Amino acid sequence: MGTITLTLPVAETEVQAGLHSGNYGLIQAVINGNLDQNNFAPTGKIFRLDGVQQGAANAGDGLVWDGASATWKPSSAVKMAVAGLAAGSSGQVLTTVAGVPTWAAATASADAGQELDYAEITADVSVGGATTVLTGNAVTYDGTTKILVEFYASHFSLSTTNSATLSINLYQDGSDIGRIWQANAAGGATAWTGSGIHACRRLTPSAASHTYSIRASQINGTHTINAGAGGSGNVMPAFMRITRV
């Protein structure tokens, strides 16, 4: 669209040269897009029309900011098809597949720090051999999400047997993937009560459903991992927690 020009009336000298002549110039400027800079984005309330490139766009394209030219440009990589998306089901999340918005089941790929799984015990666990301390829930991972698996118990105790050892291993889908904690008695037939257990492992599970568990083993004697229901003067639960890194 070409520039619009307003011609001042010639019959009324007061309008042409007086109070209202400046208003004609202002109206003409506004019609042609020359708004006061104070009204422009980003600090104002109106987008700069000369900052939006509208050419060469395809149906469904979105806008991306081009810092080099200080303009918005169409991009087929950013699809704006959300308006035509059907309603999802309960528990689904909005994601993209090949740049197109779609609904999908929630997986372990949400924001960092999100708790993906939690399991706890509220009673002592006696370890006189290979012992499953607790088992988490099945969680579906996407193959790229990094997670942190934590195990915590407020305290433990070793028996009076000489050279007693208590070990804790992390299991994935029933397979041992490594030791994450161990306590060794200094020697002599003396019981030892430890101040607590906090063991962690950071890893990236494969794209599948996985279940993690904490299992304990011992050398010489029967040992205890302590846990309780909490409350005044009572031991708090021992737990395993998995969060997204």
C-alpha atoms as a PDB file:
ATOM      1  CA  MET A   1       0.000   0.000   0.000  1.00  0.00           C
ATOM      2  CA  GLY A   2       1.341   3.397  -0.999  1.00  0.00           C
ATOM      3  CA  THR A   3       1.800   6.462   1.210  1.00  0.00           C
ATOM      4  CA  ILE A   4      -1.416   8.355   1.995  1.00  0.00           C
ATOM      5  CA  THR A   5      -1.161  12.150   1.735  1.00  0.00           C
ATOM      6  CA  LEU A   6      -3.654  14.491   3.382  1.00  0.00           C
ATOM      7  CA  THR A   7      -4.105  17.902   1.771  1.00  0.00           C
ATOM      8  CA  LEU A   8      -4.869  20.776   4.077  1.00  0.00           C
ATOM      9  CA  PRO A   9      -7.983  22.831   3.248  1.00  0.00           C
ATOM     10  CA  VAL A  10      -7.153  26.047   1.449  1.00  0.00           C
ATOM     11  CA  ALA A  11     -10.386  27.857   2.184  1.00  0.00           C
ATOM     12  CA  GLU A  12      -9.803  28.163   5.917  1.00  0.00           C
ATOM     13  CA  THR A  13      -6.585  29.986   6.770  1.00  0.00           C
ATOM     14  CA  GLU A  14      -7.115  29.217  10.473  1.00  0.00           C
ATOM     15  CA  VAL A  15      -7.094  25.474   9.775  1.00  0.00           C
ATOM     16  CA  GLN A  16      -4.230  25.636   7.308  1.00  0.00           C
ATOM     17  CA  ALA A  17      -1.826  27.720   9.332  1.00  0.00           C
ATOM     18  CA  GLY A  18      -3.280  27.639  12.813  1.00  0.00           C
ATOM     19  CA  LEU A  19      -4.097  25.232  15.597  1.00  0.00           C
ATOM     20  CA  HIS A  20      -5.350  22.277  13.537  1.00  0.00           C
ATOM     21  CA  SER A  21      -2.729  22.237  10.801  1.00  0.00           C
ATOM     22  CA  GLY A  22      -0.353  20.247  13.020  1.00  0.00           C
ATOM     23  CA  ASN A  23      -3.084  17.687  13.670  1.00  0.00           C
ATOM     24  CA  TYR A  24      -3.340  16.939   9.964  1.00  0.00           C
ATOM     25  CA  GLY A  25       0.357  16.153   9.889  1.00  0.00           C
ATOM     26  CA  LEU A  26       0.002  13.845  12.915  1.00  0.00           C
ATOM     27  CA  ILE A  27      -2.946  11.991  11.376  1.00  0.00           C
ATOM     28  CA  GLN A  28      -1.031  11.551   8.158  1.00  0.00           C
ATOM     29  CA  ALA A  29       1.977  10.155  10.046  1.00  0.00           C
ATOM     30  CA  VAL A  30      -0.171   7.696  11.996  1.00  0.00           C
ATOM     31  CA  ILE A  31      -1.942   6.431   8.870  1.00  0.00           C
ATOM     32  CA  ASN A  32       1.425   5.708   7.297  1.00  0.00           C
ATOM     33  CA  GLY A  33       2.738   3.766  10.302  1.00  0.00           C
ATOM     34  CA  ASN A  34       4.943   6.458  11.843  1.00  0.00           C
ATOM     35  CA  LEU A  35       3.741   6.074  15.401  1.00  0.00           C
ATOM     36  CA  ASP A  36       5.542   7.650  18.318  1.00  0.00           C
ATOM     37  CA  GLN A  37       8.573   5.449  19.159  1.00  0.00           C
ATOM     38  CA  ASN A  38       7.421   5.311  22.798  1.00  0.00           C
ATOM     39  CA  ASN A  39       4.538   3.073  21.691  1.00  0.00           C
ATOM     40  CA  PHE A  40       6.758   0.544  19.935  1.00  0.00           C
ATOM     41  CA  ALA A  41       7.849  -2.855  21.305  1.00  0.00           C
ATOM     42  CA  PRO A  42       9.738  -3.963  23.297  1.00  0.00           C
ATOM     43  CA  THR A  43       9.063  -1.242  25.907  1.00  0.00           C
ATOM     44  CA  GLY A  44       5.820   0.009  24.389  1.00  0.00           C
ATOM     45  CA  LYS A  45       2.461  -1.575  23.684  1.00  0.00           C
ATOM     46  CA  ILE A  46       2.467  -1.849  19.884  1.00  0.00           C
ATOM     47  CA  PHE A  47       4.606  -4.079  17.628  1.00  0.00           C
ATOM     48  CA  ARG A  48       6.744  -2.356  15.039  1.00  0.00           C
ATOM     49  CA  LEU A  49       5.077  -3.132  11.729  1.00  0.00           C
ATOM     50  CA  ASP A  50       8.326  -2.470   9.892  1.00  0.00           C
ATOM     51  CA  GLY A  51       9.962  -5.123  12.117  1.00  0.00           C
ATOM     52  CA  VAL A  52       7.804  -7.970  10.827  1.00  0.00           C
ATOM     53  CA  GLN A  53       8.724  -9.706   7.564  1.00  0.00           C
ATOM     54  CA  GLN A  54       5.621 -11.250   6.015  1.00  0.00           C
ATOM     55  CA  GLY A  55       6.999 -12.583   2.762  1.00  0.00           C
ATOM     56  CA  ALA A  56       7.761 -16.181   1.774  1.00  0.00           C
ATOM     57  CA  ALA A  57       5.677 -17.713   4.569  1.00  0.00           C
ATOM     58  CA  ASN A  58       3.826 -21.026   4.354  1.00  0.00           C
ATOM     59  CA  ALA A  59       0.634 -22.106   6.082  1.00  0.00           C
ATOM     60  CA  GLY A  60       1.388 -23.106   9.649  1.00  0.00           C
ATOM     61  CA  ASP A  61       4.744 -21.291   9.857  1.00  0.00           C
ATOM     62  CA  GLY A  62       5.674 -19.435  13.017  1.00  0.00           C
ATOM     63  CA  LEU A  63       7.786 -16.337  13.612  1.00  0.00           C
ATOM     64  CA  VAL A  64      11.378 -16.295  14.846  1.00  0.00           C
ATOM     65  CA  TRP A  65      13.489 -13.259  15.738  1.00  0.00           C
ATOM     66  CA  ASP A  66      16.383 -12.487  13.390  1.00  0.00           C
ATOM     67  CA  GLY A  67      18.888 -10.554  15.480  1.00  0.00           C
ATOM     68  CA  ALA A  68      21.016  -9.607  12.447  1.00  0.00           C
ATOM     69  CA  SER A  69      18.222  -7.665  10.757  1.00  0.00           C
ATOM     70  CA  ALA A  70      16.256  -6.916  13.953  1.00  0.00           C
ATOM     71  CA  THR A  71      13.083  -8.315  12.408  1.00  0.00           C
ATOM     72  CA  TRP A  72      10.672 -11.199  12.875  1.00  0.00           C
ATOM     73  CA  LYS A  73      10.784 -13.706  10.038  1.00  0.00           C
ATOM     74  CA  PRO A  74       8.632 -16.723   9.142  1.00  0.00           C
ATOM     75  CA  SER A  75      10.089 -20.130   9.914  1.00  0.00           C
ATOM     76  CA  SER A  76       8.839 -23.552   8.883  1.00  0.00           C
ATOM     77  CA  ALA A  77      10.844 -24.970  11.815  1.00  0.00           C
ATOM     78  CA  VAL A  78       8.419 -23.308  14.221  1.00  0.00           C
ATOM     79  CA  LYS A  79       4.928 -24.588  13.576  1.00  0.00           C
ATOM     80  CA  MET A  80       1.915 -22.691  14.854  1.00  0.00           C
ATOM     81  CA  ALA A  81      -0.620 -25.495  14.604  1.00  0.00           C
ATOM     82  CA  VAL A  82      -1.628 -25.560  18.258  1.00  0.00           C
ATOM     83  CA  ALA A  83      -4.936 -23.820  17.555  1.00  0.00           C
ATOM     84  CA  GLY A  84      -6.059 -26.771  15.425  1.00  0.00           C
ATOM     85  CA  LEU A  85      -4.889 -29.417  17.904  1.00  0.00           C
ATOM     86  CA  ALA A  86      -7.564 -31.666  19.352  1.00  0.00           C
ATOM     87  CA  ALA A  87      -7.927 -31.915  23.116  1.00  0.00           C
ATOM     88  CA  GLY A  88      -5.559 -34.363  24.821  1.00  0.00           C
ATOM     89  CA  SER A  89      -6.302 -36.999  27.421  1.00  0.00           C
ATOM     90  CA  SER A  90      -5.868 -36.724  31.176  1.00  0.00           C
ATOM     91  CA  GLY A  91      -2.188 -36.950  32.168  1.00  0.00           C
ATOM     92  CA  GLN A  92      -0.837 -36.213  28.674  1.00  0.00           C
ATOM     93  CA  VAL A  93       1.676 -33.436  27.977  1.00  0.00           C
ATOM     94  CA  LEU A  94       2.092 -31.186  24.947  1.00  0.00           C
ATOM     95  CA  THR A  95       5.234 -32.012  22.974  1.00  0.00           C
ATOM     96  CA  THR A  96       6.484 -31.820  19.382  1.00  0.00           C
ATOM     97  CA  VAL A  97       7.229 -34.478  16.788  1.00  0.00           C
ATOM     98  CA  ALA A  98       9.204 -33.224  13.755  1.00  0.00           C
ATOM     99  CA  GLY A  99       8.318 -29.683  14.828  1.00  0.00           C
ATOM    100  CA  VAL A 100       4.553 -30.339  14.961  1.00  0.00           C
ATOM    101  CA  PRO A 101       2.724 -30.017  18.319  1.00  0.00           C
ATOM    102  CA  THR A 102       1.073 -33.202  19.552  1.00  0.00           C
ATOM    103  CA  TRP A 103      -0.181 -34.789  22.763  1.00  0.00           C
ATOM    104  CA  ALA A 104       1.826 -37.633  24.304  1.00  0.00           C
ATOM    105  CA  ALA A 105       2.014 -39.643  27.498  1.00  0.00           C
ATOM    106  CA  ALA A 106       4.107 -37.984  30.186  1.00  0.00           C
ATOM    107  CA  THR A 107       7.645 -39.361  30.333  1.00  0.00           C
ATOM    108  CA  ALA A 108      10.765 -38.597  32.338  1.00  0.00           C
ATOM    109  CA  SER A 109      11.679 -35.601  30.196  1.00  0.00           C
ATOM    110  CA  ALA A 110      10.183 -32.742  32.113  1.00  0.00           C
ATOM    111  CA  ASP A 111      12.006 -29.880  33.788  1.00  0.00           C
ATOM    112  CA  ALA A 112      15.226 -30.382  35.700  1.00  0.00           C
ATOM    113  CA  GLY A 113      14.623 -31.176  39.344  1.00  0.00           C
ATOM    114  CA  GLN A 114      11.308 -32.901  38.716  1.00  0.00           C
ATOM    115  CA  GLU A 115      10.776 -35.893  40.952  1.00  0.00           C
ATOM    116  CA  LEU A 116      10.274 -38.926  38.723  1.00  0.00           C
ATOM    117  CA  ASP A 117       9.992 -41.616  41.381  1.00  0.00           C
ATOM    118  CA  TYR A 118       9.938 -41.979  45.152  1.00  0.00           C
ATOM    119  CA  ALA A 119       9.767 -45.032  47.432  1.00  0.00           C
ATOM    120  CA  GLU A 120      10.270 -45.298  51.184  1.00  0.00           C
ATOM    121  CA  ILE A 121      10.342 -47.785  54.042  1.00  0.00           C
ATOM    122  CA  THR A 122       9.228 -47.166  57.615  1.00  0.00           C
ATOM    123  CA  ALA A 123      10.771 -50.138  59.411  1.00  0.00           C
ATOM    124  CA  ASP A 124      14.306 -51.398  60.025  1.00  0.00           C
ATOM    125  CA  VAL A 125      15.824 -53.742  57.443  1.00  0.00           C
ATOM    126  CA  SER A 126      18.002 -56.559  58.746  1.00  0.00           C
ATOM    127  CA  VAL A 127      20.873 -57.476  56.415  1.00  0.00           C
ATOM    128  CA  GLY A 128      22.196 -60.981  57.003  1.00  0.00           C
ATOM    129  CA  GLY A 129      22.806 -61.728  53.331  1.00  0.00           C
ATOM    130  CA  ALA A 130      21.642 -60.393  49.958  1.00  0.00           C
ATOM    131  CA  THR A 131      18.673 -58.185  50.887  1.00  0.00           C
ATOM    132  CA  THR A 132      16.317 -55.951  48.890  1.00  0.00           C
ATOM    133  CA  VAL A 133      15.942 -52.770  50.933  1.00  0.00           C
ATOM    134  CA  LEU A 134      13.330 -51.104  48.731  1.00  0.00           C
ATOM    135  CA  THR A 135      12.123 -51.072  45.111  1.00  0.00           C
ATOM    136  CA  GLY A 136      10.869 -48.088  43.122  1.00  0.00           C
ATOM    137  CA  ASN A 137       8.161 -47.830  40.487  1.00  0.00           C
ATOM    138  CA  ALA A 138       8.452 -48.426  36.752  1.00  0.00           C
ATOM    139  CA  VAL A 139       9.213 -45.143  34.953  1.00  0.00           C
ATOM    140  CA  THR A 140       9.440 -44.591  31.181  1.00  0.00           C
ATOM    141  CA  TYR A 141      12.562 -42.699  30.073  1.00  0.00           C
ATOM    142  CA  ASP A 142      13.362 -41.115  26.706  1.00  0.00           C
ATOM    143  CA  GLY A 143      17.008 -42.146  26.284  1.00  0.00           C
ATOM    144  CA  THR A 144      18.425 -38.638  26.700  1.00  0.00           C
ATOM    145  CA  THR A 145      17.192 -37.559  30.129  1.00  0.00           C
ATOM    146  CA  LYS A 146      19.880 -37.599  32.830  1.00  0.00           C
ATOM    147  CA  ILE A 147      18.677 -38.643  36.265  1.00  0.00           C
ATOM    148  CA  LEU A 148      19.977 -38.672  39.821  1.00  0.00           C
ATOM    149  CA  VAL A 149      19.145 -41.711  41.969  1.00  0.00           C
ATOM    150  CA  GLU A 150      19.458 -41.064  45.723  1.00  0.00           C
ATOM    151  CA  PHE A 151      19.175 -43.358  48.726  1.00  0.00           C
ATOM    152  CA  TYR A 152      18.944 -42.010  52.263  1.00  0.00           C
ATOM    153  CA  ALA A 153      18.670 -43.599  55.708  1.00  0.00           C
ATOM    154  CA  SER A 154      19.066 -41.655  58.939  1.00  0.00           C
ATOM    155  CA  HIS A 155      21.481 -44.232  60.403  1.00  0.00           C
ATOM    156  CA  PHE A 156      22.677 -47.846  60.325  1.00  0.00           C
ATOM    157  CA  SER A 157      24.386 -50.275  62.677  1.00  0.00           C
ATOM    158  CA  LEU A 158      26.975 -53.025  62.270  1.00  0.00           C
ATOM    159  CA  SER A 159      27.066 -56.098  64.480  1.00  0.00           C
ATOM    160  CA  THR A 160      29.841 -56.996  66.923  1.00  0.00           C
ATOM    161  CA  THR A 161      31.350 -59.490  64.492  1.00  0.00           C
ATOM    162  CA  ASN A 162      35.003 -58.861  63.583  1.00  0.00           C
ATOM    163  CA  SER A 163      35.678 -57.106  60.246  1.00  0.00           C
ATOM    164  CA  ALA A 164      32.002 -56.463  59.558  1.00  0.00           C
ATOM    165  CA  THR A 165      31.057 -54.867  56.223  1.00  0.00           C
ATOM    166  CA  LEU A 166      27.738 -53.452  54.973  1.00  0.00           C
ATOM    167  CA  SER A 167      27.413 -52.669  51.245  1.00  0.00           C
ATOM    168  CA  ILE A 168      24.617 -51.047  49.232  1.00  0.00           C
ATOM    169  CA  ASN A 169      24.234 -51.544  45.488  1.00  0.00           C
ATOM    170  CA  LEU A 170      21.946 -49.921  42.915  1.00  0.00           C
ATOM    171  CA  TYR A 171      19.924 -52.288  40.722  1.00  0.00           C
ATOM    172  CA  GLN A 172      18.222 -51.529  37.408  1.00  0.00           C
ATOM    173  CA  ASP A 173      15.513 -53.941  36.235  1.00  0.00           C
ATOM    174  CA  GLY A 174      16.831 -56.607  38.560  1.00  0.00           C
ATOM    175  CA  SER A 175      20.482 -56.273  37.495  1.00  0.00           C
ATOM    176  CA  ASP A 176      23.285 -54.925  39.678  1.00  0.00           C
ATOM    177  CA  ILE A 177      24.752 -51.779  38.096  1.00  0.00           C
ATOM    178  CA  GLY A 178      27.208 -50.937  40.858  1.00  0.00           C
ATOM    179  CA  ARG A 179      27.979 -50.285  44.500  1.00  0.00           C
ATOM    180  CA  ILE A 180      27.032 -46.822  45.706  1.00  0.00           C
ATOM    181  CA  TRP A 181      27.925 -47.086  49.424  1.00  0.00           C
ATOM    182  CA  GLN A 182      29.875 -49.232  51.876  1.00  0.00           C
ATOM    183  CA  ALA A 183      30.814 -49.221  55.572  1.00  0.00           C
ATOM    184  CA  ASN A 184      33.635 -51.248  57.083  1.00  0.00           C
ATOM    185  CA  ALA A 185      34.108 -51.848  60.800  1.00  0.00           C
ATOM    186  CA  ALA A 186      37.524 -50.879  62.092  1.00  0.00           C
ATOM    187  CA  GLY A 187      38.042 -54.379  63.515  1.00  0.00           C
ATOM    188  CA  GLY A 188      37.447 -56.060  66.830  1.00  0.00           C
ATOM    189  CA  ALA A 189      34.204 -57.379  68.232  1.00  0.00           C
ATOM    190  CA  THR A 190      32.625 -53.967  68.728  1.00  0.00           C
ATOM    191  CA  ALA A 191      29.231 -52.824  67.448  1.00  0.00           C
ATOM    192  CA  TRP A 192      29.241 -49.709  65.309  1.00  0.00           C
ATOM    193  CA  THR A 193      26.358 -47.320  64.722  1.00  0.00           C
ATOM    194  CA  GLY A 194      26.820 -45.009  61.751  1.00  0.00           C
ATOM    195  CA  SER A 195      25.435 -41.496  61.511  1.00  0.00           C
ATOM    196  CA  GLY A 196      23.556 -42.134  58.280  1.00  0.00           C
ATOM    197  CA  ILE A 197      23.556 -43.131  54.618  1.00  0.00           C
ATOM    198  CA  HIS A 198      23.289 -40.821  51.626  1.00  0.00           C
ATOM    199  CA  ALA A 199      24.333 -42.426  48.339  1.00  0.00           C
ATOM    200  CA  CYS A 200      23.823 -41.040  44.815  1.00  0.00           C
ATOM    201  CA  ARG A 201      24.303 -42.111  41.217  1.00  0.00           C
ATOM    202  CA  ARG A 202      23.884 -39.912  38.108  1.00  0.00           C
ATOM    203  CA  LEU A 203      23.096 -41.752  34.880  1.00  0.00           C
ATOM    204  CA  THR A 204      21.174 -41.666  31.585  1.00  0.00           C
ATOM    205  CA  PRO A 205      18.729 -44.576  31.264  1.00  0.00           C
ATOM    206  CA  SER A 206      17.975 -46.011  27.825  1.00  0.00           C
ATOM    207  CA  ALA A 207      14.670 -45.249  26.107  1.00  0.00           C
ATOM    208  CA  ALA A 208      12.463 -47.762  27.885  1.00  0.00           C
ATOM    209  CA  SER A 209      10.648 -48.432  31.136  1.00  0.00           C
ATOM    210  CA  HIS A 210      13.057 -49.034  34.021  1.00  0.00           C
ATOM    211  CA  THR A 211      12.674 -49.957  37.670  1.00  0.00           C
ATOM    212  CA  TYR A 212      15.396 -49.156  40.203  1.00  0.00           C
ATOM    213  CA  SER A 213      15.952 -50.808  43.563  1.00  0.00           C
ATOM    214  CA  ILE A 214      18.319 -50.563  46.515  1.00  0.00           C
ATOM    215  CA  ARG A 215      19.837 -53.835  47.699  1.00  0.00           C
ATOM    216  CA  ALA A 216      22.242 -54.534  50.541  1.00  0.00           C
ATOM    217  CA  SER A 217      24.790 -57.234  51.309  1.00  0.00           C
ATOM    218  CA  GLN A 218      27.165 -57.973  54.185  1.00  0.00           C
ATOM    219  CA  ILE A 219      30.345 -59.678  55.276  1.00  0.00           C
ATOM    220  CA  ASN A 220      30.532 -61.128  58.804  1.00  0.00           C
ATOM    221  CA  GLY A 221      27.468 -60.686  60.965  1.00  0.00           C
ATOM    222  CA  THR A 222      23.959 -59.326  60.604  1.00  0.00           C
ATOM    223  CA  HIS A 223      23.596 -55.583  60.225  1.00  0.00           C
ATOM    224  CA  THR A 224      20.700 -53.093  60.234  1.00  0.00           C
ATOM    225  CA  ILE A 225      19.540 -50.201  58.066  1.00  0.00           C
ATOM    226  CA  ASN A 226      17.299 -48.144  60.313  1.00  0.00           C
ATOM    227  CA  ALA A 227      13.987 -46.580  59.286  1.00  0.00           C
ATOM    228  CA  GLY A 228      10.754 -45.532  60.960  1.00  0.00           C
ATOM    229  CA  ALA A 229       7.500 -43.670  60.448  1.00  0.00           C
ATOM    230  CA  GLY A 230       8.789 -40.403  61.900  1.00  0.00           C
ATOM    231  CA  GLY A 231       7.085 -38.341  64.562  1.00  0.00           C
ATOM    232  CA  SER A 232       8.403 -36.929  67.807  1.00  0.00           C
ATOM    233  CA  GLY A 233      11.508 -38.824  68.901  1.00  0.00           C
ATOM    234  CA  ASN A 234      11.167 -41.438  66.150  1.00  0.00           C
ATOM    235  CA  VAL A 235      13.350 -42.346  63.171  1.00  0.00           C
ATOM    236  CA  MET A 236      12.262 -40.910  59.806  1.00  0.00           C
ATOM    237  CA  PRO A 237      11.632 -43.145  56.761  1.00  0.00           C
ATOM    238  CA  ALA A 238      14.519 -44.331  54.592  1.00  0.00           C
ATOM    239  CA  PHE A 239      13.868 -43.567  50.931  1.00  0.00           C
ATOM    240  CA  MET A 240      15.000 -43.743  47.320  1.00  0.00           C
ATOM    241  CA  ARG A 241      14.279 -40.768  45.105  1.00  0.00           C
ATOM    242  CA  ILE A 242      14.869 -40.237  41.382  1.00  0.00           C
ATOM    243  CA  THR A 243      14.981 -36.725  39.932  1.00  0.00           C
ATOM    244  CA  ARG A 244      15.735 -35.317  36.501  1.00  0.00           C
ATOM    245  CA  VAL A 245      19.098 -33.530  36.306  1.00  0.00           C
END
